[in-house]
Amino acid sequence: MSNKTRAVVALGGNALEDKSLPPTAESQLKVTERTARRLAALSAAGYELALVHGNGPQVGRILLASETAADVTPPMPFDVCSAMSQGYIGYQLQQQMRQALEDAGRQIPVVTVLTQVEVDGDDPAFRRPTKPIGPFYTELQAAQLSRERGWTMKEDAGRGWRRVVASPRPQRIVELETIRRLWDSTITVACGGGGIPVMRTREGELEGVSAVIDKDLAAECLAEGTDADVLLILTEVENVCLHYGTPEQQALHAVTPDELDGYAAQGHFAEGSMLPKVQAAVRFARSRPGRRAIITSLDRAVEAMAGQTGTVVQ
């Protein structure tokens, strides 16, 4: 096993989409190219990586397209839509990472593992949907979709209204042993979109369920399972902040898990946005002495790993 620092990197939505561009496969590829160059810089700095990405907008659009075309072709179940999003996002990341690594003079294979993540069928999240998927809507559009399609709609951190679905906690990564075997030779894209949610039947078999697992919590599960040193959560902001978006906004730098837990209990972090990132960071930092979690922006990833910026939980 290598002595290099092992990092599981959780990529936020800004790593895959630019909200100023139309949400097409071509525009996503363009953003993914920029992301791949940032990640290649991390690899060039000597870190061993595994990548986890979100899929909220993508799986929402796949599901919407499937439901809209229901009079032409049978709609795909939610777990299949999740698998489809893993496949095409992983393909783009593989392609762009390979080129970025070659440009940086590094010959490292990149592979996507279609990953199933087991959840508990009795998880209370199934009774209280919170995970945003798909595009943003106005309040008027949201009310109409709720009436016409029976969707649960929720305002998303001041950015508009989105459909929300159940987000159960990850319990076990089915393909974990495969990912562990690949680690020392390959950059693995795994648990895409939090993984394809599955649960055990009474007969002990796996079956897909209608849900989206939070990708940050899935990344934490992967980081523990692969014995990583760092969980690096990349989002749109350089630091976790208290009183975010107000004149009293205060950036957090080095914090303990207990301190961050306390801030979460005070309601500082938005559910479905910063809160799961904080929860994942706290859990990983507590999992073993010496482990650290970092929350920062994609553009400052290298500096954050070097301890120069970001919110470090240890």
C-alpha atoms as a PDB file:
ATOM      1  CA  MET A   1       0.000   0.000   0.000  1.00  0.00           C
ATOM      2  CA  SER A   2       1.298   3.467  -0.871  1.00  0.00           C
ATOM      3  CA  ASN A   3       2.433   5.938   1.814  1.00  0.00           C
ATOM      4  CA  LYS A   4       0.865   8.851  -0.050  1.00  0.00           C
ATOM      5  CA  THR A   5      -2.054  10.752   1.442  1.00  0.00           C
ATOM      6  CA  ARG A   6      -5.284   9.074   0.347  1.00  0.00           C
ATOM      7  CA  ALA A   7      -8.205  11.417  -0.284  1.00  0.00           C
ATOM      8  CA  VAL A   8     -11.808  10.780  -1.219  1.00  0.00           C
ATOM      9  CA  VAL A   9     -13.031  13.856  -3.098  1.00  0.00           C
ATOM     10  CA  ALA A  10     -16.743  14.718  -3.119  1.00  0.00           C
ATOM     11  CA  LEU A  11     -17.586  16.983  -6.060  1.00  0.00           C
ATOM     12  CA  GLY A  12     -20.422  19.488  -5.702  1.00  0.00           C
ATOM     13  CA  GLY A  13     -22.826  20.597  -8.423  1.00  0.00           C
ATOM     14  CA  ASN A  14     -20.560  23.419  -9.595  1.00  0.00           C
ATOM     15  CA  ALA A  15     -17.987  20.800 -10.611  1.00  0.00           C
ATOM     16  CA  LEU A  16     -20.377  19.524 -13.275  1.00  0.00           C
ATOM     17  CA  GLU A  17     -22.622  22.421 -14.264  1.00  0.00           C
ATOM     18  CA  ASP A  18     -22.393  26.150 -14.911  1.00  0.00           C
ATOM     19  CA  LYS A  19     -25.747  27.761 -14.136  1.00  0.00           C
ATOM     20  CA  SER A  20     -25.066  30.468 -16.724  1.00  0.00           C
ATOM     21  CA  LEU A  21     -25.058  27.823 -19.497  1.00  0.00           C
ATOM     22  CA  PRO A  22     -27.966  25.737 -20.809  1.00  0.00           C
ATOM     23  CA  PRO A  23     -28.043  22.304 -19.077  1.00  0.00           C
ATOM     24  CA  THR A  24     -26.841  20.233 -22.050  1.00  0.00           C
ATOM     25  CA  ALA A  25     -24.387  17.342 -22.257  1.00  0.00           C
ATOM     26  CA  GLU A  26     -22.050  19.630 -24.229  1.00  0.00           C
ATOM     27  CA  SER A  27     -22.037  22.390 -21.604  1.00  0.00           C
ATOM     28  CA  GLN A  28     -21.533  19.822 -18.834  1.00  0.00           C
ATOM     29  CA  LEU A  29     -18.545  18.397 -20.705  1.00  0.00           C
ATOM     30  CA  LYS A  30     -17.042  21.879 -20.874  1.00  0.00           C
ATOM     31  CA  VAL A  31     -17.383  22.350 -17.098  1.00  0.00           C
ATOM     32  CA  THR A  32     -16.098  18.833 -16.450  1.00  0.00           C
ATOM     33  CA  GLU A  33     -12.929  19.661 -18.403  1.00  0.00           C
ATOM     34  CA  ARG A  34     -12.187  22.538 -16.002  1.00  0.00           C
ATOM     35  CA  THR A  35     -12.923  20.292 -13.022  1.00  0.00           C
ATOM     36  CA  ALA A  36     -10.624  17.568 -14.344  1.00  0.00           C
ATOM     37  CA  ARG A  37      -7.725  20.022 -14.538  1.00  0.00           C
ATOM     38  CA  ARG A  38      -8.229  20.998 -10.887  1.00  0.00           C
ATOM     39  CA  LEU A  39      -8.297  17.333  -9.893  1.00  0.00           C
ATOM     40  CA  ALA A  40      -5.230  16.539 -12.008  1.00  0.00           C
ATOM     41  CA  ALA A  41      -3.410  19.269 -10.087  1.00  0.00           C
ATOM     42  CA  LEU A  42      -4.297  17.450  -6.857  1.00  0.00           C
ATOM     43  CA  SER A  43      -2.916  14.225  -8.281  1.00  0.00           C
ATOM     44  CA  ALA A  44       0.244  16.011  -9.438  1.00  0.00           C
ATOM     45  CA  ALA A  45       0.669  17.354  -5.886  1.00  0.00           C
ATOM     46  CA  GLY A  46       1.104  13.750  -4.750  1.00  0.00           C
ATOM     47  CA  TYR A  47      -2.320  12.759  -3.463  1.00  0.00           C
ATOM     48  CA  GLU A  48      -4.039   9.459  -4.241  1.00  0.00           C
ATOM     49  CA  LEU A  49      -7.665  10.079  -5.173  1.00  0.00           C
ATOM     50  CA  ALA A  50     -11.070   8.505  -5.441  1.00  0.00           C
ATOM     51  CA  LEU A  51     -13.909  10.662  -6.766  1.00  0.00           C
ATOM     52  CA  VAL A  52     -17.573  10.913  -5.797  1.00  0.00           C
ATOM     53  CA  HIS A  53     -19.926  13.239  -7.696  1.00  0.00           C
ATOM     54  CA  GLY A  54     -23.459  14.505  -7.228  1.00  0.00           C
ATOM     55  CA  ASN A  55     -26.260  13.918  -9.736  1.00  0.00           C
ATOM     56  CA  GLY A  56     -29.233  15.952  -8.476  1.00  0.00           C
ATOM     57  CA  PRO A  57     -29.872  18.020 -11.619  1.00  0.00           C
ATOM     58  CA  GLN A  58     -28.953  15.177 -13.987  1.00  0.00           C
ATOM     59  CA  VAL A  59     -31.045  12.413 -12.426  1.00  0.00           C
ATOM     60  CA  GLY A  60     -33.945  14.853 -12.129  1.00  0.00           C
ATOM     61  CA  ARG A  61     -33.799  15.614 -15.859  1.00  0.00           C
ATOM     62  CA  ILE A  62     -33.485  11.927 -16.766  1.00  0.00           C
ATOM     63  CA  LEU A  63     -36.508  11.129 -14.616  1.00  0.00           C
ATOM     64  CA  LEU A  64     -38.469  14.081 -16.014  1.00  0.00           C
ATOM     65  CA  ALA A  65     -37.702  13.009 -19.600  1.00  0.00           C
ATOM     66  CA  SER A  66     -38.729   9.450 -18.799  1.00  0.00           C
ATOM     67  CA  GLU A  67     -42.015  10.537 -17.196  1.00  0.00           C
ATOM     68  CA  THR A  68     -42.793  13.015 -19.987  1.00  0.00           C
ATOM     69  CA  ALA A  69     -42.389  10.309 -22.631  1.00  0.00           C
ATOM     70  CA  ALA A  70     -44.523   7.791 -20.720  1.00  0.00           C
ATOM     71  CA  ASP A  71     -47.118   7.671 -23.521  1.00  0.00           C
ATOM     72  CA  VAL A  72     -44.388   6.597 -25.967  1.00  0.00           C
ATOM     73  CA  THR A  73     -42.117   4.342 -23.907  1.00  0.00           C
ATOM     74  CA  PRO A  74     -42.421   2.888 -20.387  1.00  0.00           C
ATOM     75  CA  PRO A  75     -40.866   5.211 -17.797  1.00  0.00           C
ATOM     76  CA  MET A  76     -37.698   4.006 -16.087  1.00  0.00           C
ATOM     77  CA  PRO A  77     -37.764   3.405 -12.308  1.00  0.00           C
ATOM     78  CA  PHE A  78     -35.813   5.834 -10.137  1.00  0.00           C
ATOM     79  CA  ASP A  79     -32.915   3.465  -9.387  1.00  0.00           C
ATOM     80  CA  VAL A  80     -32.395   2.877 -13.127  1.00  0.00           C
ATOM     81  CA  CYS A  81     -32.356   6.646 -13.743  1.00  0.00           C
ATOM     82  CA  SER A  82     -29.710   6.904 -11.021  1.00  0.00           C
ATOM     83  CA  ALA A  83     -27.620   4.238 -12.768  1.00  0.00           C
ATOM     84  CA  MET A  84     -27.977   6.102 -16.076  1.00  0.00           C
ATOM     85  CA  SER A  85     -26.706   9.320 -14.490  1.00  0.00           C
ATOM     86  CA  GLN A  86     -23.744   7.475 -12.954  1.00  0.00           C
ATOM     87  CA  GLY A  87     -22.847   6.120 -16.352  1.00  0.00           C
ATOM     88  CA  TYR A  88     -22.843   9.313 -18.361  1.00  0.00           C
ATOM     89  CA  ILE A  89     -21.296  11.544 -15.681  1.00  0.00           C
ATOM     90  CA  GLY A  90     -18.634   8.915 -15.024  1.00  0.00           C
ATOM     91  CA  TYR A  91     -17.919   8.689 -18.749  1.00  0.00           C
ATOM     92  CA  GLN A  92     -17.338  12.438 -18.978  1.00  0.00           C
ATOM     93  CA  LEU A  93     -15.144  12.487 -15.863  1.00  0.00           C
ATOM     94  CA  GLN A  94     -13.089   9.532 -17.112  1.00  0.00           C
ATOM     95  CA  GLN A  95     -12.554  11.144 -20.487  1.00  0.00           C
ATOM     96  CA  GLN A  96     -11.589  14.570 -19.168  1.00  0.00           C
ATOM     97  CA  MET A  97      -9.494  13.260 -16.271  1.00  0.00           C
ATOM     98  CA  ARG A  98      -7.473  11.053 -18.587  1.00  0.00           C
ATOM     99  CA  GLN A  99      -6.657  14.015 -20.833  1.00  0.00           C
ATOM    100  CA  ALA A 100      -5.883  16.344 -17.923  1.00  0.00           C
ATOM    101  CA  LEU A 101      -3.592  13.774 -16.315  1.00  0.00           C
ATOM    102  CA  GLU A 102      -1.765  13.186 -19.609  1.00  0.00           C
ATOM    103  CA  ASP A 103      -1.313  16.939 -20.025  1.00  0.00           C
ATOM    104  CA  ALA A 104       0.189  16.998 -16.520  1.00  0.00           C
ATOM    105  CA  GLY A 105       2.582  14.206 -17.477  1.00  0.00           C
ATOM    106  CA  ARG A 106       0.836  11.534 -15.423  1.00  0.00           C
ATOM    107  CA  GLN A 107      -0.232   8.150 -16.769  1.00  0.00           C
ATOM    108  CA  ILE A 108      -2.903   7.049 -14.314  1.00  0.00           C
ATOM    109  CA  PRO A 109      -5.963   5.025 -15.326  1.00  0.00           C
ATOM    110  CA  VAL A 110      -9.389   6.434 -14.443  1.00  0.00           C
ATOM    111  CA  VAL A 111     -12.370   4.110 -14.218  1.00  0.00           C
ATOM    112  CA  THR A 112     -16.007   4.417 -13.166  1.00  0.00           C
ATOM    113  CA  VAL A 113     -17.454   1.720 -10.932  1.00  0.00           C
ATOM    114  CA  LEU A 114     -21.222   1.544 -11.176  1.00  0.00           C
ATOM    115  CA  THR A 115     -21.874   1.526  -7.454  1.00  0.00           C
ATOM    116  CA  GLN A 116     -24.802   0.243  -5.419  1.00  0.00           C
ATOM    117  CA  VAL A 117     -25.221   1.591  -1.890  1.00  0.00           C
ATOM    118  CA  GLU A 118     -27.373  -0.261   0.590  1.00  0.00           C
ATOM    119  CA  VAL A 119     -29.927   1.682   2.654  1.00  0.00           C
ATOM    120  CA  ASP A 120     -32.345   0.738   5.418  1.00  0.00           C
ATOM    121  CA  GLY A 121     -35.909   0.304   4.196  1.00  0.00           C
ATOM    122  CA  ASP A 122     -37.134   1.598   7.575  1.00  0.00           C
ATOM    123  CA  ASP A 123     -35.091   4.819   7.356  1.00  0.00           C
ATOM    124  CA  PRO A 124     -37.388   7.708   8.424  1.00  0.00           C
ATOM    125  CA  ALA A 125     -36.143   9.675   5.399  1.00  0.00           C
ATOM    126  CA  PHE A 126     -38.624   7.738   3.274  1.00  0.00           C
ATOM    127  CA  ARG A 127     -41.423   9.500   5.168  1.00  0.00           C
ATOM    128  CA  ARG A 128     -39.821  12.958   4.917  1.00  0.00           C
ATOM    129  CA  PRO A 129     -38.330  13.807   1.489  1.00  0.00           C
ATOM    130  CA  THR A 130     -35.526  16.402   1.636  1.00  0.00           C
ATOM    131  CA  LYS A 131     -33.121  15.807  -1.273  1.00  0.00           C
ATOM    132  CA  PRO A 132     -33.457  18.315  -4.159  1.00  0.00           C
ATOM    133  CA  ILE A 133     -33.321  16.932  -7.699  1.00  0.00           C
ATOM    134  CA  GLY A 134     -33.894  18.371 -11.162  1.00  0.00           C
ATOM    135  CA  PRO A 135     -34.123  22.016 -12.260  1.00  0.00           C
ATOM    136  CA  PHE A 136     -35.158  25.098 -10.296  1.00  0.00           C
ATOM    137  CA  TYR A 137     -38.715  26.457 -10.564  1.00  0.00           C
ATOM    138  CA  THR A 138     -40.525  29.597  -9.476  1.00  0.00           C
ATOM    139  CA  GLU A 139     -42.901  29.308  -6.532  1.00  0.00           C
ATOM    140  CA  LEU A 140     -45.862  29.450  -8.932  1.00  0.00           C
ATOM    141  CA  GLN A 141     -44.438  26.678 -11.125  1.00  0.00           C
ATOM    142  CA  ALA A 142     -43.672  24.596  -8.036  1.00  0.00           C
ATOM    143  CA  ALA A 143     -47.235  24.856  -6.782  1.00  0.00           C
ATOM    144  CA  GLN A 144     -48.550  23.792 -10.203  1.00  0.00           C
ATOM    145  CA  LEU A 145     -46.225  20.779 -10.413  1.00  0.00           C
ATOM    146  CA  SER A 146     -47.186  19.756  -6.906  1.00  0.00           C
ATOM    147  CA  ARG A 147     -50.861  19.795  -7.875  1.00  0.00           C
ATOM    148  CA  GLU A 148     -50.484  18.164 -11.284  1.00  0.00           C
ATOM    149  CA  ARG A 149     -47.789  15.545 -10.608  1.00  0.00           C
ATOM    150  CA  GLY A 150     -47.974  15.036  -6.869  1.00  0.00           C
ATOM    151  CA  TRP A 151     -44.345  16.072  -6.413  1.00  0.00           C
ATOM    152  CA  THR A 152     -43.040  17.302  -3.076  1.00  0.00           C
ATOM    153  CA  MET A 153     -41.563  20.749  -3.709  1.00  0.00           C
ATOM    154  CA  LYS A 154     -39.280  22.755  -1.446  1.00  0.00           C
ATOM    155  CA  GLU A 155     -37.474  26.087  -1.588  1.00  0.00           C
ATOM    156  CA  ASP A 156     -33.725  25.474  -2.014  1.00  0.00           C
ATOM    157  CA  ALA A 157     -31.450  27.894  -0.128  1.00  0.00           C
ATOM    158  CA  GLY A 158     -32.873  31.026  -1.767  1.00  0.00           C
ATOM    159  CA  ARG A 159     -32.195  29.769  -5.300  1.00  0.00           C
ATOM    160  CA  GLY A 160     -35.717  28.715  -6.253  1.00  0.00           C
ATOM    161  CA  TRP A 161     -38.014  25.727  -5.797  1.00  0.00           C
ATOM    162  CA  ARG A 162     -37.065  22.126  -6.589  1.00  0.00           C
ATOM    163  CA  ARG A 163     -38.558  18.688  -6.387  1.00  0.00           C
ATOM    164  CA  VAL A 164     -37.398  16.776  -3.309  1.00  0.00           C
ATOM    165  CA  VAL A 165     -37.206  13.001  -2.801  1.00  0.00           C
ATOM    166  CA  ALA A 166     -36.265  10.689   0.055  1.00  0.00           C
ATOM    167  CA  SER A 167     -32.581  10.722   1.044  1.00  0.00           C
ATOM    168  CA  PRO A 168     -31.852   7.717   3.294  1.00  0.00           C
ATOM    169  CA  ARG A 169     -28.463   7.346   4.966  1.00  0.00           C
ATOM    170  CA  PRO A 170     -25.929   5.046   3.288  1.00  0.00           C
ATOM    171  CA  GLN A 171     -25.311   1.846   5.232  1.00  0.00           C
ATOM    172  CA  ARG A 172     -22.947  -0.208   3.066  1.00  0.00           C
ATOM    173  CA  ILE A 173     -21.201   0.112  -0.310  1.00  0.00           C
ATOM    174  CA  VAL A 174     -21.819  -3.103  -2.219  1.00  0.00           C
ATOM    175  CA  GLU A 175     -18.769  -2.783  -4.504  1.00  0.00           C
ATOM    176  CA  LEU A 176     -16.398  -1.580  -1.738  1.00  0.00           C
ATOM    177  CA  GLU A 177     -13.928  -4.469  -2.047  1.00  0.00           C
ATOM    178  CA  THR A 178     -13.560  -3.852  -5.785  1.00  0.00           C
ATOM    179  CA  ILE A 179     -12.839  -0.166  -5.172  1.00  0.00           C
ATOM    180  CA  ARG A 180     -10.274  -1.041  -2.479  1.00  0.00           C
ATOM    181  CA  ARG A 181      -8.447  -3.346  -4.914  1.00  0.00           C
ATOM    182  CA  LEU A 182      -8.301  -0.618  -7.545  1.00  0.00           C
ATOM    183  CA  TRP A 183      -7.087   2.130  -5.217  1.00  0.00           C
ATOM    184  CA  ASP A 184      -3.282   1.923  -5.512  1.00  0.00           C
ATOM    185  CA  SER A 185      -3.247   1.810  -9.322  1.00  0.00           C
ATOM    186  CA  THR A 186      -6.342   3.704 -10.453  1.00  0.00           C
ATOM    187  CA  ILE A 187      -8.370   6.850  -9.843  1.00  0.00           C
ATOM    188  CA  THR A 188     -11.845   5.451  -9.261  1.00  0.00           C
ATOM    189  CA  VAL A 189     -15.087   7.343  -9.834  1.00  0.00           C
ATOM    190  CA  ALA A 190     -17.476   5.654  -7.416  1.00  0.00           C
ATOM    191  CA  CYS A 191     -20.745   6.174  -5.519  1.00  0.00           C
ATOM    192  CA  GLY A 192     -21.847   8.635  -8.215  1.00  0.00           C
ATOM    193  CA  GLY A 193     -24.893  10.595  -7.094  1.00  0.00           C
ATOM    194  CA  GLY A 194     -24.517   8.946  -3.692  1.00  0.00           C
ATOM    195  CA  GLY A 195     -24.743   5.516  -5.304  1.00  0.00           C
ATOM    196  CA  ILE A 196     -27.677   3.564  -6.677  1.00  0.00           C
ATOM    197  CA  PRO A 197     -29.897   3.075  -3.610  1.00  0.00           C
ATOM    198  CA  VAL A 198     -30.691  -0.567  -2.938  1.00  0.00           C
ATOM    199  CA  MET A 199     -32.037  -2.521   0.018  1.00  0.00           C
ATOM    200  CA  ARG A 200     -32.237  -6.155   1.068  1.00  0.00           C
ATOM    201  CA  THR A 201     -35.397  -8.151   0.487  1.00  0.00           C
ATOM    202  CA  ARG A 202     -36.565 -10.731   3.019  1.00  0.00           C
ATOM    203  CA  GLU A 203     -34.817 -13.309   0.864  1.00  0.00           C
ATOM    204  CA  GLY A 204     -31.539 -11.387   1.211  1.00  0.00           C
ATOM    205  CA  GLU A 205     -31.466 -10.162  -2.376  1.00  0.00           C
ATOM    206  CA  LEU A 206     -30.766  -6.562  -3.428  1.00  0.00           C
ATOM    207  CA  GLU A 207     -33.455  -4.450  -5.088  1.00  0.00           C
ATOM    208  CA  GLY A 208     -33.470  -0.801  -6.145  1.00  0.00           C
ATOM    209  CA  VAL A 209     -35.472   1.806  -4.244  1.00  0.00           C
ATOM    210  CA  SER A 210     -36.827   5.230  -5.182  1.00  0.00           C
ATOM    211  CA  ALA A 211     -34.471   7.668  -3.451  1.00  0.00           C
ATOM    212  CA  VAL A 212     -31.301   9.732  -3.824  1.00  0.00           C
ATOM    213  CA  ILE A 213     -28.526   9.185  -1.296  1.00  0.00           C
ATOM    214  CA  ASP A 214     -26.620  12.321  -0.354  1.00  0.00           C
ATOM    215  CA  LYS A 215     -23.280  12.195  -2.164  1.00  0.00           C
ATOM    216  CA  ASP A 216     -21.333  13.732   0.746  1.00  0.00           C
ATOM    217  CA  LEU A 217     -22.568  11.080   3.183  1.00  0.00           C
ATOM    218  CA  ALA A 218     -21.819   8.379   0.595  1.00  0.00           C
ATOM    219  CA  ALA A 219     -18.327   9.855   0.131  1.00  0.00           C
ATOM    220  CA  GLU A 220     -17.812   9.665   3.893  1.00  0.00           C
ATOM    221  CA  CYS A 221     -18.865   6.018   3.860  1.00  0.00           C
ATOM    222  CA  LEU A 222     -16.402   5.375   1.020  1.00  0.00           C
ATOM    223  CA  ALA A 223     -13.608   7.273   2.811  1.00  0.00           C
ATOM    224  CA  GLU A 224     -14.012   5.142   5.926  1.00  0.00           C
ATOM    225  CA  GLY A 225     -14.314   1.935   3.918  1.00  0.00           C
ATOM    226  CA  THR A 226     -11.136   2.591   1.919  1.00  0.00           C
ATOM    227  CA  ASP A 227      -9.193   3.823   4.969  1.00  0.00           C
ATOM    228  CA  ALA A 228      -8.623   7.272   3.441  1.00  0.00           C
ATOM    229  CA  ASP A 229      -6.713   9.970   5.307  1.00  0.00           C
ATOM    230  CA  VAL A 230      -8.785  12.913   4.072  1.00  0.00           C
ATOM    231  CA  LEU A 231     -12.371  13.527   3.039  1.00  0.00           C
ATOM    232  CA  LEU A 232     -12.249  16.552   0.729  1.00  0.00           C
ATOM    233  CA  ILE A 233     -15.697  18.058   0.090  1.00  0.00           C
ATOM    234  CA  LEU A 234     -15.629  20.554  -2.784  1.00  0.00           C
ATOM    235  CA  THR A 235     -18.483  23.012  -3.144  1.00  0.00           C
ATOM    236  CA  GLU A 236     -19.135  26.584  -4.294  1.00  0.00           C
ATOM    237  CA  VAL A 237     -17.736  28.373  -1.222  1.00  0.00           C
ATOM    238  CA  GLU A 238     -14.206  28.543   0.159  1.00  0.00           C
ATOM    239  CA  ASN A 239     -15.274  28.043   3.779  1.00  0.00           C
ATOM    240  CA  VAL A 240     -18.210  26.888   5.832  1.00  0.00           C
ATOM    241  CA  CYS A 241     -19.805  30.030   7.262  1.00  0.00           C
ATOM    242  CA  LEU A 242     -21.954  30.984  10.202  1.00  0.00           C
ATOM    243  CA  HIS A 243     -24.813  33.395   9.457  1.00  0.00           C
ATOM    244  CA  TYR A 244     -24.296  32.688   5.750  1.00  0.00           C
ATOM    245  CA  GLY A 245     -25.558  35.405   3.405  1.00  0.00           C
ATOM    246  CA  THR A 246     -26.027  37.997   6.150  1.00  0.00           C
ATOM    247  CA  PRO A 247     -23.905  40.990   7.238  1.00  0.00           C
ATOM    248  CA  GLU A 248     -22.767  38.838  10.202  1.00  0.00           C
ATOM    249  CA  GLN A 249     -21.342  36.096   7.963  1.00  0.00           C
ATOM    250  CA  GLN A 250     -18.303  34.466   9.580  1.00  0.00           C
ATOM    251  CA  ALA A 251     -15.987  31.969   7.891  1.00  0.00           C
ATOM    252  CA  LEU A 252     -14.873  28.903   9.835  1.00  0.00           C
ATOM    253  CA  HIS A 253     -11.295  27.706   9.484  1.00  0.00           C
ATOM    254  CA  ALA A 254     -10.068  25.042  11.934  1.00  0.00           C
ATOM    255  CA  VAL A 255     -12.911  23.507  13.964  1.00  0.00           C
ATOM    256  CA  THR A 256     -13.493  20.402  16.034  1.00  0.00           C
ATOM    257  CA  PRO A 257     -16.330  17.972  15.346  1.00  0.00           C
ATOM    258  CA  ASP A 258     -18.027  19.035  18.594  1.00  0.00           C
ATOM    259  CA  GLU A 259     -17.892  22.718  17.635  1.00  0.00           C
ATOM    260  CA  LEU A 260     -19.346  22.028  14.202  1.00  0.00           C
ATOM    261  CA  ASP A 261     -22.049  19.834  15.711  1.00  0.00           C
ATOM    262  CA  GLY A 262     -22.988  22.712  17.998  1.00  0.00           C
ATOM    263  CA  TYR A 263     -23.285  25.159  15.115  1.00  0.00           C
ATOM    264  CA  ALA A 264     -25.451  22.669  13.219  1.00  0.00           C
ATOM    265  CA  ALA A 265     -27.741  22.304  16.239  1.00  0.00           C
ATOM    266  CA  GLN A 266     -28.131  26.103  16.252  1.00  0.00           C
ATOM    267  CA  GLY A 267     -29.493  25.915  12.681  1.00  0.00           C
ATOM    268  CA  HIS A 268     -26.601  27.561  10.848  1.00  0.00           C
ATOM    269  CA  PHE A 269     -26.535  25.107   7.926  1.00  0.00           C
ATOM    270  CA  ALA A 270     -29.252  24.580   5.315  1.00  0.00           C
ATOM    271  CA  GLU A 271     -30.788  21.126   5.050  1.00  0.00           C
ATOM    272  CA  GLY A 272     -30.074  19.564   1.667  1.00  0.00           C
ATOM    273  CA  SER A 273     -27.231  22.046   1.108  1.00  0.00           C
ATOM    274  CA  MET A 274     -24.419  22.656   3.644  1.00  0.00           C
ATOM    275  CA  LEU A 275     -25.850  20.493   6.452  1.00  0.00           C
ATOM    276  CA  PRO A 276     -25.035  17.070   4.904  1.00  0.00           C
ATOM    277  CA  LYS A 277     -21.507  18.286   4.112  1.00  0.00           C
ATOM    278  CA  VAL A 278     -21.038  19.258   7.744  1.00  0.00           C
ATOM    279  CA  GLN A 279     -22.508  15.955   8.936  1.00  0.00           C
ATOM    280  CA  ALA A 280     -20.201  13.984   6.645  1.00  0.00           C
ATOM    281  CA  ALA A 281     -17.152  15.991   7.767  1.00  0.00           C
ATOM    282  CA  VAL A 282     -17.960  15.513  11.460  1.00  0.00           C
ATOM    283  CA  ARG A 283     -18.530  11.783  11.072  1.00  0.00           C
ATOM    284  CA  PHE A 284     -15.287  11.213   9.177  1.00  0.00           C
ATOM    285  CA  ALA A 285     -13.177  13.313  11.565  1.00  0.00           C
ATOM    286  CA  ARG A 286     -14.537  11.295  14.483  1.00  0.00           C
ATOM    287  CA  SER A 287     -14.047   7.923  12.808  1.00  0.00           C
ATOM    288  CA  ARG A 288     -10.356   7.618  13.711  1.00  0.00           C
ATOM    289  CA  PRO A 289      -7.686   9.871  15.300  1.00  0.00           C
ATOM    290  CA  GLY A 290      -5.645  11.752  12.698  1.00  0.00           C
ATOM    291  CA  ARG A 291      -8.313  11.786  10.015  1.00  0.00           C
ATOM    292  CA  ARG A 292      -9.419  15.166   8.736  1.00  0.00           C
ATOM    293  CA  ALA A 293     -12.247  16.475   6.640  1.00  0.00           C
ATOM    294  CA  ILE A 294     -11.943  19.630   4.537  1.00  0.00           C
ATOM    295  CA  ILE A 295     -14.767  21.667   3.038  1.00  0.00           C
ATOM    296  CA  THR A 296     -13.737  24.240   0.438  1.00  0.00           C
ATOM    297  CA  SER A 297     -14.230  25.338  -3.162  1.00  0.00           C
ATOM    298  CA  LEU A 298     -13.073  23.408  -6.213  1.00  0.00           C
ATOM    299  CA  ASP A 299     -10.727  26.236  -7.221  1.00  0.00           C
ATOM    300  CA  ARG A 300      -8.930  26.170  -3.849  1.00  0.00           C
ATOM    301  CA  ALA A 301      -8.614  22.399  -3.488  1.00  0.00           C
ATOM    302  CA  VAL A 302      -4.811  22.214  -3.726  1.00  0.00           C
ATOM    303  CA  GLU A 303      -4.342  25.077  -1.253  1.00  0.00           C
ATOM    304  CA  ALA A 304      -6.867  23.566   1.139  1.00  0.00           C
ATOM    305  CA  MET A 305      -5.091  20.197   1.132  1.00  0.00           C
ATOM    306  CA  ALA A 306      -1.900  22.084   1.997  1.00  0.00           C
ATOM    307  CA  GLY A 307      -3.645  23.713   4.973  1.00  0.00           C
ATOM    308  CA  GLN A 308      -3.781  27.206   3.479  1.00  0.00           C
ATOM    309  CA  THR A 309      -7.549  27.672   3.248  1.00  0.00           C
ATOM    310  CA  GLY A 310     -10.899  25.941   3.656  1.00  0.00           C
ATOM    311  CA  THR A 311     -12.707  24.669   6.735  1.00  0.00           C
ATOM    312  CA  VAL A 312     -10.714  21.856   8.351  1.00  0.00           C
ATOM    313  CA  VAL A 313     -12.471  19.494  10.752  1.00  0.00           C
ATOM    314  CA  GLN A 314     -10.104  17.422  12.890  1.00  0.00           C
END
